[in-house]
C-alpha atoms as a PDB file:
ATOM      1  CA  MET A   1       0.027  -0.005  -0.033  1.00  0.00           C
ATOM      2  CA  LEU A   2       1.291   3.285  -1.012  1.00  0.00           C
ATOM      3  CA  VAL A   3      -0.385   6.559   0.454  1.00  0.00           C
ATOM      4  CA  ASP A   4       0.585   9.994  -0.655  1.00  0.00           C
ATOM      5  CA  ASP A   5      -1.481  13.035  -1.525  1.00  0.00           C
ATOM      6  CA  GLU A   6       0.988  14.079  -4.332  1.00  0.00           C
ATOM      7  CA  ASP A   7       0.121  12.441  -7.611  1.00  0.00           C
ATOM      8  CA  SER A   8       3.780  12.347  -8.841  1.00  0.00           C
ATOM      9  CA  VAL A   9       4.951  10.609  -5.687  1.00  0.00           C
ATOM     10  CA  ARG A  10       2.251   7.998  -6.009  1.00  0.00           C
ATOM     11  CA  LEU A  11       2.960   7.364  -9.724  1.00  0.00           C
ATOM     12  CA  VAL A  12       6.658   7.068  -9.235  1.00  0.00           C
ATOM     13  CA  GLY A  13       6.357   5.076  -6.082  1.00  0.00           C
ATOM     14  CA  ALA A  14       3.842   2.661  -7.551  1.00  0.00           C
ATOM     15  CA  ASN A  15       5.871   2.141 -10.661  1.00  0.00           C
ATOM     16  CA  LEU A  16       8.934   1.498  -8.505  1.00  0.00           C
ATOM     17  CA  LEU A  17       7.178  -1.047  -6.440  1.00  0.00           C
ATOM     18  CA  LYS A  18       5.841  -2.790  -9.483  1.00  0.00           C
ATOM     19  CA  ARG A  19       9.350  -3.105 -10.893  1.00  0.00           C
ATOM     20  CA  LEU A  20      10.410  -4.695  -7.657  1.00  0.00           C
ATOM     21  CA  GLY A  21       7.662  -7.283  -8.059  1.00  0.00           C
ATOM     22  CA  PHE A  22       4.947  -5.847  -5.754  1.00  0.00           C
ATOM     23  CA  LEU A  23       1.393  -5.225  -6.747  1.00  0.00           C
ATOM     24  CA  PRO A  24       0.843  -1.911  -5.064  1.00  0.00           C
ATOM     25  CA  SER A  25      -2.500  -0.355  -4.209  1.00  0.00           C
ATOM     26  CA  ALA A  26      -2.003   3.502  -4.274  1.00  0.00           C
ATOM     27  CA  PHE A  27      -4.178   5.982  -2.461  1.00  0.00           C
ATOM     28  CA  ALA A  28      -4.394   9.769  -2.423  1.00  0.00           C
ATOM     29  CA  ARG A  29      -6.236   9.888   0.909  1.00  0.00           C
ATOM     30  CA  ALA A  30      -5.212   8.194   4.173  1.00  0.00           C
ATOM     31  CA  THR A  31      -8.850   7.596   5.020  1.00  0.00           C
ATOM     32  CA  ASP A  32      -9.469   5.612   1.790  1.00  0.00           C
ATOM     33  CA  ALA A  33      -6.335   3.582   2.484  1.00  0.00           C
ATOM     34  CA  LEU A  34      -7.422   2.906   5.933  1.00  0.00           C
ATOM     35  CA  ASP A  35     -10.865   1.639   4.646  1.00  0.00           C
ATOM     36  CA  ALA A  36      -9.093  -0.677   2.295  1.00  0.00           C
ATOM     37  CA  PHE A  37      -6.777  -1.900   5.004  1.00  0.00           C
ATOM     38  CA  LYS A  38      -9.658  -2.533   7.378  1.00  0.00           C
ATOM     39  CA  ALA A  39     -11.539  -4.483   4.654  1.00  0.00           C
ATOM     40  CA  LYS A  40      -8.575  -6.802   3.909  1.00  0.00           C
ATOM     41  CA  PRO A  41      -5.547  -6.308   6.153  1.00  0.00           C
ATOM     42  CA  GLU A  42      -3.984  -9.431   4.927  1.00  0.00           C
ATOM     43  CA  ASP A  43      -3.688  -8.141   1.447  1.00  0.00           C
ATOM     44  CA  PHE A  44      -1.046  -5.716   2.587  1.00  0.00           C
ATOM     45  CA  CYS A  45       2.567  -6.685   3.324  1.00  0.00           C
ATOM     46  CA  ILE A  46       3.655  -3.075   3.960  1.00  0.00           C
ATOM     47  CA  VAL A  47       2.162   0.398   4.175  1.00  0.00           C
ATOM     48  CA  ILE A  48       4.328   3.188   2.908  1.00  0.00           C
ATOM     49  CA  SER A  49       2.838   6.633   3.488  1.00  0.00           C
ATOM     50  CA  ASP A  50       3.566  10.305   3.468  1.00  0.00           C
ATOM     51  CA  LEU A  51       3.911  11.954   6.926  1.00  0.00           C
ATOM     52  CA  THR A  52       1.869  15.034   6.194  1.00  0.00           C
ATOM     53  CA  MET A  53      -1.441  14.642   4.361  1.00  0.00           C
ATOM     54  CA  PRO A  54      -4.780  16.472   4.631  1.00  0.00           C
ATOM     55  CA  GLY A  55      -7.432  14.741   6.710  1.00  0.00           C
ATOM     56  CA  MET A  56      -5.162  12.166   8.436  1.00  0.00           C
ATOM     57  CA  THR A  57      -1.353  12.229   8.913  1.00  0.00           C
ATOM     58  CA  GLY A  58       0.884   9.258   8.271  1.00  0.00           C
ATOM     59  CA  VAL A  59       1.361   8.854  11.985  1.00  0.00           C
ATOM     60  CA  GLU A  60      -2.334   8.647  12.590  1.00  0.00           C
ATOM     61  CA  LEU A  61      -2.682   6.131   9.667  1.00  0.00           C
ATOM     62  CA  ALA A  62       0.146   4.077  11.209  1.00  0.00           C
ATOM     63  CA  ARG A  63      -1.624   3.981  14.607  1.00  0.00           C
ATOM     64  CA  HIS A  64      -4.788   2.781  12.964  1.00  0.00           C
ATOM     65  CA  VAL A  65      -3.028   0.153  10.995  1.00  0.00           C
ATOM     66  CA  LEU A  66      -1.011  -1.051  13.931  1.00  0.00           C
ATOM     67  CA  ALA A  67      -4.271  -1.353  16.056  1.00  0.00           C
ATOM     68  CA  ILE A  68      -5.601  -3.706  13.335  1.00  0.00           C
ATOM     69  CA  ARG A  69      -2.444  -5.716  12.647  1.00  0.00           C
ATOM     70  CA  THR A  70       0.331  -5.092  15.233  1.00  0.00           C
ATOM     71  CA  ARG A  71       3.180  -6.363  12.997  1.00  0.00           C
ATOM     72  CA  SER A  72       2.543  -4.225  10.088  1.00  0.00           C
ATOM     73  CA  PRO A  73       5.707  -2.414   8.902  1.00  0.00           C
ATOM     74  CA  HIS A  74       4.968   1.243   8.200  1.00  0.00           C
ATOM     75  CA  PRO A  75       7.793   3.382   6.769  1.00  0.00           C
ATOM     76  CA  TYR A  76       6.853   6.810   5.693  1.00  0.00           C
ATOM     77  CA  VAL A  77       7.811   9.317   2.980  1.00  0.00           C
ATOM     78  CA  GLY A  78       8.482  12.507   4.816  1.00  0.00           C
ATOM     79  CA  PRO A  79       9.433  16.005   3.674  1.00  0.00           C
ATOM     80  CA  PRO A  80      11.888  16.326   0.805  1.00  0.00           C
ATOM     81  CA  PRO A  81      15.524  16.315   1.997  1.00  0.00           C
ATOM     82  CA  SER A  82      15.921  19.996   1.105  1.00  0.00           C
ATOM     83  CA  ARG A  83      13.450  20.841   3.832  1.00  0.00           C
ATOM     84  CA  ARG A  84      14.948  18.508   6.504  1.00  0.00           C
ATOM     85  CA  ALA A  85      17.972  19.430   8.690  1.00  0.00           C
ATOM     86  CA  PRO A  86      20.738  16.857   7.981  1.00  0.00           C
ATOM     87  CA  LYS A  87      21.687  14.535  10.876  1.00  0.00           C
ATOM     88  CA  ARG A  88      25.259  14.370  11.957  1.00  0.00           C
ATOM     89  CA  THR A  89      27.103  11.124  12.693  1.00  0.00           C
ATOM     90  CA  PRO A  90      29.344  11.124  15.863  1.00  0.00           C
ATOM     91  CA  ASP A  91      32.461  11.912  13.629  1.00  0.00           C
ATOM     92  CA  GLY A  92      30.615  15.033  12.245  1.00  0.00           C
ATOM     93  CA  HIS A  93      29.621  13.678   8.833  1.00  0.00           C
ATOM     94  CA  THR A  94      26.199  14.621   7.449  1.00  0.00           C
ATOM     95  CA  LYS A  95      23.653  11.925   6.712  1.00  0.00           C
ATOM     96  CA  ARG A  96      20.016  11.946   5.767  1.00  0.00           C
ATOM     97  CA  ASP A  97      17.017   9.929   7.006  1.00  0.00           C
ATOM     98  CA  CYS A  98      16.363   6.668   5.355  1.00  0.00           C
ATOM     99  CA  LYS A  99      13.754   6.924   2.694  1.00  0.00           C
ATOM    100  CA  ALA A 100      11.280   4.283   1.912  1.00  0.00           C
ATOM    101  CA  PHE A 101      12.400   3.929  -1.598  1.00  0.00           C
ATOM    102  CA  ARG A 102      16.117   3.595  -1.139  1.00  0.00           C
ATOM    103  CA  GLY A 103      17.536   0.933  -3.395  1.00  0.00           C
ATOM    104  CA  GLY A 104      19.608  -1.815  -1.936  1.00  0.00           C
END
C-alpha cells in the first residue's frame, strides 16, 4: 500500500514497487487507504505513507493500521531532503534519514 497526496509521488512510487515485483495499491487519501486496509488487512505486506497529508497524517494512519495488525511495517515518506535538517554522525559527517524507496 502506498499513500501520498501528491500524484507524482504516488505514480513514481507505484511504478518502482511494480518493478520490484509488488502489486501496489496507491491511495491519495489516508482515509481511503485505511478503509481498504480494514476491509482486507492480509492483502498488504507493507504500508508506505507520507507523513503530512490532509485529513489524516501518516502517523495517525500508522496508529490505526497497527491497532488492526500489530506487526505491520509502516515506513513513511517525509518531507523532501531539502526541507529537513541533515543529521550528523558522531564523527561530524552529514547523513539523511532513510527513505522508503532507497535501493539496496
